[in-house]
Amino acid sequence: MKNIYKNFNEEDLIVAYLYMNEHTGKINEEMTEAINQKFNYDEFVNKANQRTLLIKEKGRISFEVYKMVEKGDDLLLIMENISSQILNNKELEEFVVEKFYGFSSVKENNKIDRTTIYKSILGIFISSIIGLLFFSIFILATKIFSIFLLVPLYIVNYFVIRIITGKTRDNLIVFIAVFLSVIISTGLFFVLTT
């Protein structure tokens, strides 16, 4: 039987090693043979273990940053309160900044406030009209109606509402607004054509 691990580069071999070790608790003979042929086994295992520690450390830091962003802490306070024995200062700072801005943008996007509600209501009216025009033109041009036409209608209405609100469909109000606008666009078409 051919040893498939012989063709793996170091990165792929580390990933396979970690996966196998995590799920079975041991490494098979083919992998051990491939590691021994290409690398010093102990150094390879040490490198793989360091990778595991790095992944766990980044997970811990991500969780801490997430909790602090949810509390409303600013970046400077977060930077002061998070430390790492594994990442150097530059790596830690870059990672914390990346996670801070990522979590902050998600928090801002999911925030439901009056502005989001008002813009969503405006978006319902505008996207319903645009959706009605899109739906009407398509159906009158092709003389075909299909339930599958609701998908492009949803997409058109979603992008109109997203432009108006500046938020994605992950925001509950935006999701509801898009859903309502699709119903209104479709309903208006049938009311106006009958």
N, C-alpha and C. Protein backbone atom coordinates (compact mmCIF):
# COMPACT_ATOMS: atom_id res chain seq x y z
N MET A 1 0.85 -1.19 0.00
CA MET A 1 0.00 0.00 0.00
C MET A 1 0.89 1.24 0.00
N LYS A 2 0.51 2.22 -0.80
CA LYS A 2 1.30 3.44 -0.93
C LYS A 2 1.07 4.36 0.27
N ASN A 3 2.13 4.95 0.75
CA ASN A 3 2.06 5.87 1.87
C ASN A 3 1.67 7.26 1.34
N ILE A 4 0.44 7.67 1.62
CA ILE A 4 -0.03 8.96 1.09
C ILE A 4 0.65 10.15 1.76
N TYR A 5 1.17 9.96 2.95
CA TYR A 5 1.76 11.07 3.69
C TYR A 5 3.13 11.48 3.15
N LYS A 6 3.75 10.64 2.31
CA LYS A 6 5.06 10.97 1.76
C LYS A 6 5.00 12.19 0.85
N ASN A 7 3.85 12.45 0.25
CA ASN A 7 3.71 13.59 -0.66
C ASN A 7 3.28 14.87 0.06
N PHE A 8 3.02 14.80 1.34
CA PHE A 8 2.58 15.97 2.09
C PHE A 8 3.76 16.89 2.34
N ASN A 9 3.52 18.22 2.26
CA ASN A 9 4.54 19.16 2.71
C ASN A 9 4.44 19.29 4.23
N GLU A 10 5.32 20.07 4.81
CA GLU A 10 5.38 20.15 6.27
C GLU A 10 4.06 20.65 6.86
N GLU A 11 3.50 21.69 6.26
CA GLU A 11 2.25 22.26 6.78
C GLU A 11 1.11 21.24 6.75
N ASP A 12 0.97 20.55 5.62
CA ASP A 12 -0.09 19.55 5.50
C ASP A 12 0.12 18.39 6.46
N LEU A 13 1.37 18.02 6.65
CA LEU A 13 1.69 16.92 7.55
C LEU A 13 1.38 17.30 9.00
N ILE A 14 1.66 18.55 9.37
CA ILE A 14 1.34 19.01 10.72
C ILE A 14 -0.17 18.97 10.94
N VAL A 15 -0.92 19.47 9.96
CA VAL A 15 -2.39 19.47 10.08
C VAL A 15 -2.91 18.04 10.21
N ALA A 16 -2.40 17.14 9.38
CA ALA A 16 -2.83 15.74 9.43
C ALA A 16 -2.44 15.10 10.77
N TYR A 17 -1.24 15.40 11.24
CA TYR A 17 -0.76 14.88 12.51
C TYR A 17 -1.67 15.33 13.66
N LEU A 18 -1.95 16.64 13.70
CA LEU A 18 -2.79 17.17 14.78
C LEU A 18 -4.21 16.59 14.72
N TYR A 19 -4.74 16.46 13.52
CA TYR A 19 -6.09 15.91 13.36
C TYR A 19 -6.13 14.46 13.84
N MET A 20 -5.16 13.68 13.39
CA MET A 20 -5.14 12.26 13.77
C MET A 20 -4.92 12.10 15.27
N ASN A 21 -4.01 12.88 15.81
CA ASN A 21 -3.70 12.79 17.23
C ASN A 21 -4.90 13.21 18.08
N GLU A 22 -5.62 14.23 17.62
CA GLU A 22 -6.77 14.71 18.38
C GLU A 22 -7.93 13.72 18.34
N HIS A 23 -8.13 13.07 17.19
CA HIS A 23 -9.30 12.21 17.04
C HIS A 23 -9.07 10.75 17.40
N THR A 24 -7.86 10.27 17.28
CA THR A 24 -7.61 8.86 17.61
C THR A 24 -6.69 8.69 18.81
N GLY A 25 -5.95 9.75 19.14
CA GLY A 25 -5.04 9.66 20.27
C GLY A 25 -3.70 9.03 19.93
N LYS A 26 -3.52 8.60 18.69
CA LYS A 26 -2.24 8.00 18.28
C LYS A 26 -2.01 8.27 16.80
N ILE A 27 -0.79 8.05 16.38
CA ILE A 27 -0.39 8.28 15.00
C ILE A 27 -0.12 6.93 14.34
N ASN A 28 -0.63 6.75 13.10
CA ASN A 28 -0.42 5.46 12.44
C ASN A 28 1.00 5.33 11.89
N GLU A 29 1.36 4.13 11.47
CA GLU A 29 2.73 3.84 11.02
C GLU A 29 3.11 4.62 9.78
N GLU A 30 2.19 4.79 8.83
CA GLU A 30 2.50 5.51 7.60
C GLU A 30 2.89 6.95 7.89
N MET A 31 2.17 7.60 8.78
CA MET A 31 2.49 8.98 9.10
C MET A 31 3.82 9.06 9.84
N THR A 32 4.03 8.16 10.78
CA THR A 32 5.31 8.14 11.51
C THR A 32 6.47 7.95 10.54
N GLU A 33 6.30 7.07 9.58
CA GLU A 33 7.35 6.82 8.58
C GLU A 33 7.61 8.07 7.74
N ALA A 34 6.55 8.74 7.30
CA ALA A 34 6.71 9.95 6.49
C ALA A 34 7.38 11.06 7.28
N ILE A 35 7.02 11.21 8.54
CA ILE A 35 7.64 12.24 9.38
C ILE A 35 9.12 11.93 9.56
N ASN A 36 9.45 10.68 9.86
CA ASN A 36 10.85 10.30 10.07
C ASN A 36 11.70 10.47 8.81
N GLN A 37 11.11 10.26 7.64
CA GLN A 37 11.86 10.40 6.39
C GLN A 37 12.17 11.87 6.08
N LYS A 38 11.26 12.76 6.43
CA LYS A 38 11.42 14.17 6.06
C LYS A 38 11.98 15.05 7.17
N PHE A 39 11.72 14.68 8.41
CA PHE A 39 12.05 15.56 9.53
C PHE A 39 12.58 14.76 10.70
N ASN A 40 13.14 15.48 11.66
CA ASN A 40 13.46 14.89 12.95
C ASN A 40 12.12 14.75 13.68
N TYR A 41 11.80 13.54 14.09
CA TYR A 41 10.48 13.26 14.66
C TYR A 41 10.18 14.12 15.88
N ASP A 42 11.14 14.22 16.80
CA ASP A 42 10.91 14.99 18.03
C ASP A 42 10.71 16.48 17.74
N GLU A 43 11.50 17.01 16.81
CA GLU A 43 11.34 18.42 16.45
C GLU A 43 9.99 18.66 15.78
N PHE A 44 9.57 17.73 14.94
CA PHE A 44 8.28 17.84 14.27
C PHE A 44 7.14 17.83 15.29
N VAL A 45 7.19 16.89 16.23
CA VAL A 45 6.14 16.79 17.26
C VAL A 45 6.12 18.06 18.10
N ASN A 46 7.30 18.57 18.43
CA ASN A 46 7.38 19.81 19.20
C ASN A 46 6.75 20.97 18.44
N LYS A 47 7.03 21.04 17.13
CA LYS A 47 6.46 22.09 16.30
C LYS A 47 4.93 21.96 16.24
N ALA A 48 4.44 20.75 16.11
CA ALA A 48 2.99 20.51 16.08
C ALA A 48 2.35 20.89 17.41
N ASN A 49 3.01 20.56 18.51
CA ASN A 49 2.49 20.91 19.83
C ASN A 49 2.49 22.42 20.03
N GLN A 50 3.52 23.10 19.51
CA GLN A 50 3.55 24.56 19.59
C GLN A 50 2.38 25.16 18.82
N ARG A 51 2.07 24.55 17.69
CA ARG A 51 0.93 25.02 16.89
C ARG A 51 -0.36 24.89 17.69
N THR A 52 -0.51 23.77 18.39
CA THR A 52 -1.70 23.57 19.22
C THR A 52 -1.78 24.62 20.31
N LEU A 53 -0.65 24.89 20.96
CA LEU A 53 -0.63 25.91 22.01
C LEU A 53 -0.99 27.28 21.45
N LEU A 54 -0.48 27.59 20.26
CA LEU A 54 -0.77 28.88 19.64
C LEU A 54 -2.26 29.01 19.32
N ILE A 55 -2.85 27.96 18.79
CA ILE A 55 -4.28 27.98 18.47
C ILE A 55 -5.11 28.18 19.74
N LYS A 56 -4.77 27.45 20.80
CA LYS A 56 -5.50 27.59 22.06
C LYS A 56 -5.33 28.98 22.66
N GLU A 57 -4.12 29.53 22.56
CA GLU A 57 -3.85 30.87 23.10
C GLU A 57 -4.65 31.92 22.33
N LYS A 58 -4.68 31.80 21.02
CA LYS A 58 -5.45 32.76 20.22
C LYS A 58 -6.94 32.63 20.51
N GLY A 59 -7.41 31.42 20.75
CA GLY A 59 -8.80 31.23 21.13
C GLY A 59 -9.12 31.90 22.46
N ARG A 60 -8.20 31.75 23.42
CA ARG A 60 -8.38 32.38 24.74
C ARG A 60 -8.42 33.90 24.61
N ILE A 61 -7.48 34.44 23.85
CA ILE A 61 -7.42 35.89 23.67
C ILE A 61 -8.67 36.39 22.95
N SER A 62 -9.09 35.68 21.92
CA SER A 62 -10.31 36.06 21.18
C SER A 62 -11.51 36.12 22.11
N PHE A 63 -11.63 35.13 22.98
CA PHE A 63 -12.75 35.09 23.91
C PHE A 63 -12.70 36.27 24.87
N GLU A 64 -11.50 36.59 25.37
CA GLU A 64 -11.36 37.73 26.28
C GLU A 64 -11.72 39.03 25.59
N VAL A 65 -11.22 39.21 24.36
CA VAL A 65 -11.53 40.43 23.61
C VAL A 65 -13.03 40.52 23.37
N TYR A 66 -13.65 39.41 22.99
CA TYR A 66 -15.09 39.38 22.74
C TYR A 66 -15.87 39.83 23.98
N LYS A 67 -15.52 39.26 25.14
CA LYS A 67 -16.23 39.62 26.38
C LYS A 67 -16.07 41.11 26.68
N MET A 68 -14.87 41.64 26.47
CA MET A 68 -14.62 43.05 26.78
C MET A 68 -15.33 43.97 25.78
N VAL A 69 -15.38 43.59 24.52
CA VAL A 69 -16.11 44.38 23.52
C VAL A 69 -17.59 44.39 23.86
N GLU A 70 -18.13 43.24 24.26
CA GLU A 70 -19.55 43.16 24.64
C GLU A 70 -19.86 44.05 25.84
N LYS A 71 -18.88 44.20 26.76
CA LYS A 71 -19.07 45.08 27.91
C LYS A 71 -18.98 46.55 27.51
N GLY A 72 -18.39 46.82 26.34
CA GLY A 72 -18.25 48.21 25.88
C GLY A 72 -16.88 48.80 26.14
N ASP A 73 -15.90 47.97 26.51
CA ASP A 73 -14.55 48.47 26.76
C ASP A 73 -13.91 48.95 25.46
N ASP A 74 -13.06 49.99 25.57
CA ASP A 74 -12.38 50.48 24.38
C ASP A 74 -11.07 49.72 24.15
N LEU A 75 -10.47 49.97 23.00
CA LEU A 75 -9.28 49.22 22.59
C LEU A 75 -8.13 49.38 23.56
N LEU A 76 -7.90 50.59 24.06
CA LEU A 76 -6.78 50.81 24.98
C LEU A 76 -6.93 50.01 26.27
N LEU A 77 -8.13 49.99 26.81
CA LEU A 77 -8.38 49.22 28.03
C LEU A 77 -8.17 47.72 27.78
N ILE A 78 -8.62 47.27 26.63
CA ILE A 78 -8.44 45.85 26.29
C ILE A 78 -6.96 45.52 26.15
N MET A 79 -6.21 46.40 25.48
CA MET A 79 -4.77 46.16 25.29
C MET A 79 -4.04 46.10 26.63
N GLU A 80 -4.46 46.92 27.58
CA GLU A 80 -3.82 46.93 28.90
C GLU A 80 -4.10 45.66 29.70
N ASN A 81 -5.26 45.06 29.49
CA ASN A 81 -5.69 43.94 30.32
C ASN A 81 -5.42 42.56 29.74
N ILE A 82 -4.91 42.49 28.52
CA ILE A 82 -4.66 41.18 27.92
C ILE A 82 -3.16 40.99 27.74
N SER A 83 -2.71 39.83 28.17
CA SER A 83 -1.29 39.49 28.01
C SER A 83 -1.19 38.06 27.50
N SER A 84 0.02 37.71 27.05
CA SER A 84 0.22 36.37 26.53
C SER A 84 1.64 35.91 26.81
N GLN A 85 1.77 34.65 27.18
CA GLN A 85 3.08 34.04 27.37
C GLN A 85 3.60 33.43 26.07
N ILE A 86 2.72 33.30 25.08
CA ILE A 86 3.09 32.63 23.83
C ILE A 86 3.34 33.62 22.71
N LEU A 87 2.47 34.62 22.56
CA LEU A 87 2.64 35.62 21.51
C LEU A 87 3.56 36.73 22.00
N ASN A 88 4.41 37.24 21.09
CA ASN A 88 5.23 38.39 21.48
C ASN A 88 4.35 39.64 21.44
N ASN A 89 4.87 40.76 21.92
CA ASN A 89 4.06 41.97 22.06
C ASN A 89 3.47 42.45 20.73
N LYS A 90 4.26 42.40 19.67
CA LYS A 90 3.77 42.86 18.36
C LYS A 90 2.65 41.94 17.85
N GLU A 91 2.87 40.63 17.93
CA GLU A 91 1.85 39.68 17.49
C GLU A 91 0.57 39.84 18.32
N LEU A 92 0.74 40.01 19.63
CA LEU A 92 -0.41 40.17 20.51
C LEU A 92 -1.19 41.43 20.15
N GLU A 93 -0.48 42.53 19.95
CA GLU A 93 -1.14 43.79 19.62
C GLU A 93 -1.91 43.68 18.30
N GLU A 94 -1.27 43.12 17.28
CA GLU A 94 -1.93 42.96 15.97
C GLU A 94 -3.17 42.07 16.08
N PHE A 95 -3.04 40.98 16.83
CA PHE A 95 -4.15 40.05 16.97
C PHE A 95 -5.31 40.69 17.73
N VAL A 96 -5.00 41.40 18.82
CA VAL A 96 -6.05 42.04 19.62
C VAL A 96 -6.76 43.12 18.80
N VAL A 97 -5.99 43.92 18.05
CA VAL A 97 -6.59 44.97 17.23
C VAL A 97 -7.52 44.36 16.18
N GLU A 98 -7.04 43.29 15.52
CA GLU A 98 -7.87 42.62 14.50
C GLU A 98 -9.17 42.10 15.11
N LYS A 99 -9.08 41.43 16.25
CA LYS A 99 -10.27 40.88 16.89
C LYS A 99 -11.19 41.98 17.41
N PHE A 100 -10.59 43.05 17.95
CA PHE A 100 -11.39 44.16 18.47
C PHE A 100 -12.26 44.76 17.36
N TYR A 101 -11.64 45.06 16.23
CA TYR A 101 -12.41 45.68 15.14
C TYR A 101 -13.42 44.70 14.54
N GLY A 102 -13.06 43.43 14.47
CA GLY A 102 -14.00 42.43 13.97
C GLY A 102 -15.22 42.30 14.87
N PHE A 103 -14.98 42.14 16.18
CA PHE A 103 -16.10 42.00 17.12
C PHE A 103 -16.90 43.29 17.24
N SER A 104 -16.22 44.44 17.17
CA SER A 104 -16.92 45.73 17.26
C SER A 104 -17.85 45.94 16.08
N SER A 105 -17.38 45.55 14.88
CA SER A 105 -18.24 45.74 13.70
C SER A 105 -19.46 44.81 13.76
N VAL A 106 -19.28 43.60 14.26
CA VAL A 106 -20.42 42.69 14.42
C VAL A 106 -21.40 43.24 15.45
N LYS A 107 -20.86 43.76 16.55
CA LYS A 107 -21.73 44.32 17.60
C LYS A 107 -22.51 45.52 17.05
N GLU A 108 -21.82 46.38 16.31
CA GLU A 108 -22.49 47.56 15.73
C GLU A 108 -23.55 47.14 14.71
N ASN A 109 -23.22 46.15 13.89
CA ASN A 109 -24.17 45.68 12.88
C ASN A 109 -25.42 45.09 13.52
N ASN A 110 -25.27 44.39 14.62
CA ASN A 110 -26.41 43.73 15.26
C ASN A 110 -27.21 44.64 16.18
N LYS A 111 -26.69 45.84 16.42
CA LYS A 111 -27.35 46.77 17.33
C LYS A 111 -28.67 47.25 16.72
N ILE A 112 -29.72 47.21 17.53
CA ILE A 112 -31.03 47.68 17.10
C ILE A 112 -31.31 48.99 17.84
N ASP A 113 -31.40 50.07 17.07
CA ASP A 113 -31.68 51.37 17.64
C ASP A 113 -32.74 52.08 16.79
N ARG A 114 -33.11 53.28 17.20
CA ARG A 114 -34.15 54.00 16.47
C ARG A 114 -33.74 54.28 15.02
N THR A 115 -32.49 54.64 14.83
CA THR A 115 -32.02 54.93 13.48
C THR A 115 -32.19 53.72 12.58
N THR A 116 -31.81 52.55 13.08
CA THR A 116 -31.96 51.33 12.29
C THR A 116 -33.42 51.06 11.97
N ILE A 117 -34.29 51.27 12.94
CA ILE A 117 -35.72 51.03 12.73
C ILE A 117 -36.28 52.00 11.69
N TYR A 118 -35.95 53.30 11.83
CA TYR A 118 -36.47 54.29 10.89
C TYR A 118 -35.93 54.05 9.48
N LYS A 119 -34.65 53.77 9.38
CA LYS A 119 -34.07 53.51 8.06
C LYS A 119 -34.63 52.22 7.45
N SER A 120 -34.94 51.24 8.29
CA SER A 120 -35.53 50.00 7.78
C SER A 120 -36.94 50.23 7.26
N ILE A 121 -37.70 51.07 7.95
CA ILE A 121 -39.05 51.40 7.48
C ILE A 121 -38.98 52.13 6.14
N LEU A 122 -38.06 53.10 6.05
CA LEU A 122 -37.84 53.79 4.77
C LEU A 122 -37.41 52.78 3.70
N GLY A 123 -36.53 51.87 4.09
CA GLY A 123 -36.05 50.84 3.17
C GLY A 123 -37.17 49.93 2.68
N ILE A 124 -38.13 49.64 3.55
CA ILE A 124 -39.27 48.80 3.15
C ILE A 124 -40.04 49.48 2.02
N PHE A 125 -40.32 50.78 2.19
CA PHE A 125 -41.08 51.49 1.16
C PHE A 125 -40.30 51.57 -0.15
N ILE A 126 -39.06 51.98 -0.08
CA ILE A 126 -38.26 52.15 -1.31
C ILE A 126 -38.01 50.81 -1.99
N SER A 127 -37.61 49.81 -1.20
CA SER A 127 -37.31 48.51 -1.82
C SER A 127 -38.57 47.82 -2.32
N SER A 128 -39.71 48.08 -1.70
CA SER A 128 -40.97 47.50 -2.19
C SER A 128 -41.30 48.05 -3.57
N ILE A 129 -41.08 49.34 -3.77
CA ILE A 129 -41.35 49.95 -5.08
C ILE A 129 -40.35 49.43 -6.11
N ILE A 130 -39.07 49.44 -5.76
CA ILE A 130 -38.05 48.93 -6.69
C ILE A 130 -38.29 47.45 -6.97
N GLY A 131 -38.61 46.69 -5.94
CA GLY A 131 -38.89 45.27 -6.11
C GLY A 131 -40.12 45.04 -6.98
N LEU A 132 -41.15 45.86 -6.79
CA LEU A 132 -42.35 45.76 -7.62
C LEU A 132 -42.01 46.01 -9.09
N LEU A 133 -41.20 47.04 -9.34
CA LEU A 133 -40.80 47.33 -10.72
C LEU A 133 -39.99 46.18 -11.31
N PHE A 134 -39.04 45.67 -10.55
CA PHE A 134 -38.21 44.55 -11.00
C PHE A 134 -39.09 43.33 -11.30
N PHE A 135 -39.96 43.01 -10.37
CA PHE A 135 -40.83 41.85 -10.49
C PHE A 135 -41.77 42.00 -11.69
N SER A 136 -42.35 43.19 -11.83
CA SER A 136 -43.29 43.45 -12.93
C SER A 136 -42.60 43.35 -14.28
N ILE A 137 -41.46 44.00 -14.41
CA ILE A 137 -40.74 43.97 -15.68
C ILE A 137 -40.38 42.54 -16.06
N PHE A 138 -39.89 41.79 -15.11
CA PHE A 138 -39.48 40.42 -15.41
C PHE A 138 -40.67 39.55 -15.80
N ILE A 139 -41.74 39.64 -15.06
CA ILE A 139 -42.91 38.78 -15.35
C ILE A 139 -43.60 39.21 -16.64
N LEU A 140 -43.74 40.51 -16.86
CA LEU A 140 -44.39 40.97 -18.08
C LEU A 140 -43.54 40.69 -19.31
N ALA A 141 -42.23 40.73 -19.17
CA ALA A 141 -41.34 40.45 -20.31
C ALA A 141 -41.32 38.97 -20.65
N THR A 142 -41.31 38.12 -19.64
CA THR A 142 -41.20 36.68 -19.89
C THR A 142 -42.55 35.97 -19.91
N LYS A 143 -43.57 36.61 -19.36
CA LYS A 143 -44.90 36.01 -19.25
C LYS A 143 -44.88 34.70 -18.44
N ILE A 144 -43.91 34.61 -17.54
CA ILE A 144 -43.76 33.41 -16.71
C ILE A 144 -43.70 33.85 -15.25
N PHE A 145 -44.48 33.16 -14.42
CA PHE A 145 -44.34 33.38 -12.98
C PHE A 145 -43.86 32.09 -12.34
N SER A 146 -42.89 32.24 -11.48
CA SER A 146 -42.37 31.10 -10.73
C SER A 146 -42.07 31.56 -9.32
N ILE A 147 -42.25 30.68 -8.38
CA ILE A 147 -41.93 31.00 -6.99
C ILE A 147 -40.44 31.30 -6.83
N PHE A 148 -39.64 30.77 -7.76
CA PHE A 148 -38.19 31.01 -7.70
C PHE A 148 -37.83 32.46 -8.00
N LEU A 149 -38.76 33.22 -8.56
CA LEU A 149 -38.51 34.65 -8.81
C LEU A 149 -38.42 35.44 -7.51
N LEU A 150 -38.90 34.86 -6.43
CA LEU A 150 -38.81 35.55 -5.14
C LEU A 150 -37.37 35.65 -4.65
N VAL A 151 -36.51 34.75 -5.12
CA VAL A 151 -35.11 34.79 -4.70
C VAL A 151 -34.41 36.04 -5.24
N PRO A 152 -34.46 36.32 -6.56
CA PRO A 152 -33.84 37.57 -7.02
C PRO A 152 -34.53 38.81 -6.45
N LEU A 153 -35.84 38.71 -6.23
CA LEU A 153 -36.57 39.82 -5.62
C LEU A 153 -36.04 40.07 -4.21
N TYR A 154 -35.82 39.01 -3.45
CA TYR A 154 -35.25 39.13 -2.11
C TYR A 154 -33.87 39.79 -2.18
N ILE A 155 -33.06 39.36 -3.14
CA ILE A 155 -31.70 39.91 -3.26
C ILE A 155 -31.74 41.40 -3.59
N VAL A 156 -32.59 41.78 -4.54
CA VAL A 156 -32.71 43.20 -4.91
C VAL A 156 -33.17 44.01 -3.70
N ASN A 157 -34.22 43.56 -3.04
CA ASN A 157 -34.74 44.29 -1.88
C ASN A 157 -33.72 44.34 -0.75
N TYR A 158 -32.99 43.25 -0.56
CA TYR A 158 -31.97 43.23 0.49
C TYR A 158 -30.90 44.28 0.24
N PHE A 159 -30.41 44.36 -0.99
CA PHE A 159 -29.35 45.32 -1.27
C PHE A 159 -29.84 46.76 -1.13
N VAL A 160 -31.07 47.03 -1.50
CA VAL A 160 -31.63 48.37 -1.31
C VAL A 160 -31.68 48.71 0.17
N ILE A 161 -32.20 47.80 0.97
CA ILE A 161 -32.31 48.05 2.42
C ILE A 161 -30.93 48.11 3.06
N ARG A 162 -30.01 47.29 2.60
CA ARG A 162 -28.65 47.32 3.16
C ARG A 162 -27.98 48.66 2.87
N ILE A 163 -28.17 49.19 1.68
CA ILE A 163 -27.59 50.50 1.34
C ILE A 163 -28.20 51.58 2.22
N ILE A 164 -29.49 51.52 2.44
CA ILE A 164 -30.17 52.55 3.23
C ILE A 164 -29.79 52.46 4.71
N THR A 165 -29.77 51.25 5.27
CA THR A 165 -29.50 51.11 6.71
C THR A 165 -28.01 51.02 7.03
N GLY A 166 -27.23 50.53 6.09
CA GLY A 166 -25.81 50.31 6.36
C GLY A 166 -25.56 49.07 7.20
N LYS A 167 -26.56 48.21 7.31
CA LYS A 167 -26.43 47.00 8.12
C LYS A 167 -26.82 45.78 7.29
N THR A 168 -26.30 44.63 7.69
CA THR A 168 -26.55 43.40 6.95
C THR A 168 -27.79 42.69 7.48
N ARG A 169 -28.15 41.60 6.82
CA ARG A 169 -29.34 40.84 7.23
C ARG A 169 -29.13 40.10 8.55
N ASP A 170 -27.91 40.12 9.09
CA ASP A 170 -27.68 39.55 10.42
C ASP A 170 -28.41 40.37 11.49
N ASN A 171 -28.70 41.63 11.17
CA ASN A 171 -29.48 42.47 12.07
C ASN A 171 -30.95 42.06 11.93
N LEU A 172 -31.59 41.75 13.03
CA LEU A 172 -32.96 41.24 13.02
C LEU A 172 -33.93 42.20 12.33
N ILE A 173 -33.80 43.49 12.60
CA ILE A 173 -34.71 44.47 12.00
C ILE A 173 -34.55 44.51 10.48
N VAL A 174 -33.31 44.46 10.01
CA VAL A 174 -33.05 44.46 8.56
C VAL A 174 -33.62 43.19 7.94
N PHE A 175 -33.44 42.06 8.59
CA PHE A 175 -33.98 40.80 8.07
C PHE A 175 -35.50 40.88 7.94
N ILE A 176 -36.16 41.37 8.97
CA ILE A 176 -37.63 41.49 8.94
C ILE A 176 -38.05 42.48 7.86
N ALA A 177 -37.32 43.59 7.72
CA ALA A 177 -37.65 44.59 6.71
C ALA A 177 -37.56 44.01 5.30
N VAL A 178 -36.53 43.23 5.04
CA VAL A 178 -36.37 42.60 3.72
C VAL A 178 -37.52 41.62 3.48
N PHE A 179 -37.82 40.83 4.46
CA PHE A 179 -38.92 39.86 4.34
C PHE A 179 -40.24 40.56 4.03
N LEU A 180 -40.53 41.62 4.78
CA LEU A 180 -41.77 42.37 4.56
C LEU A 180 -41.79 43.02 3.18
N SER A 181 -40.65 43.55 2.75
CA SER A 181 -40.61 44.22 1.44
C SER A 181 -40.86 43.23 0.31
N VAL A 182 -40.39 42.01 0.45
CA VAL A 182 -40.64 40.98 -0.57
C VAL A 182 -42.14 40.65 -0.61
N ILE A 183 -42.75 40.52 0.55
CA ILE A 183 -44.19 40.24 0.61
C ILE A 183 -44.98 41.40 -0.01
N ILE A 184 -44.60 42.62 0.33
CA ILE A 184 -45.30 43.80 -0.19
C ILE A 184 -45.13 43.90 -1.70
N SER A 185 -43.90 43.72 -2.19
CA SER A 185 -43.65 43.79 -3.65
C SER A 185 -44.49 42.77 -4.39
N THR A 186 -44.49 41.54 -3.89
CA THR A 186 -45.24 40.47 -4.54
C THR A 186 -46.74 40.74 -4.45
N GLY A 187 -47.20 41.12 -3.28
CA GLY A 187 -48.63 41.41 -3.09
C GLY A 187 -49.10 42.56 -3.96
N LEU A 188 -48.31 43.63 -4.03
CA LEU A 188 -48.68 44.77 -4.88
C LEU A 188 -48.78 44.37 -6.35
N PHE A 189 -47.87 43.52 -6.79
CA PHE A 189 -47.92 43.08 -8.19
C PHE A 189 -49.24 42.39 -8.48
N PHE A 190 -49.64 41.47 -7.61
CA PHE A 190 -50.88 40.73 -7.86
C PHE A 190 -52.11 41.61 -7.69
N VAL A 191 -52.06 42.57 -6.78
CA VAL A 191 -53.19 43.49 -6.61
C VAL A 191 -53.33 44.39 -7.84
N LEU A 192 -52.20 44.90 -8.35
CA LEU A 192 -52.24 45.82 -9.49
C LEU A 192 -52.52 45.14 -10.82
N THR A 193 -52.24 43.86 -10.93
CA THR A 193 -52.45 43.16 -12.20
C THR A 193 -53.78 42.43 -12.28
N THR A 194 -54.54 42.40 -11.20
CA THR A 194 -55.84 41.72 -11.27
C THR A 194 -56.98 42.70 -11.25
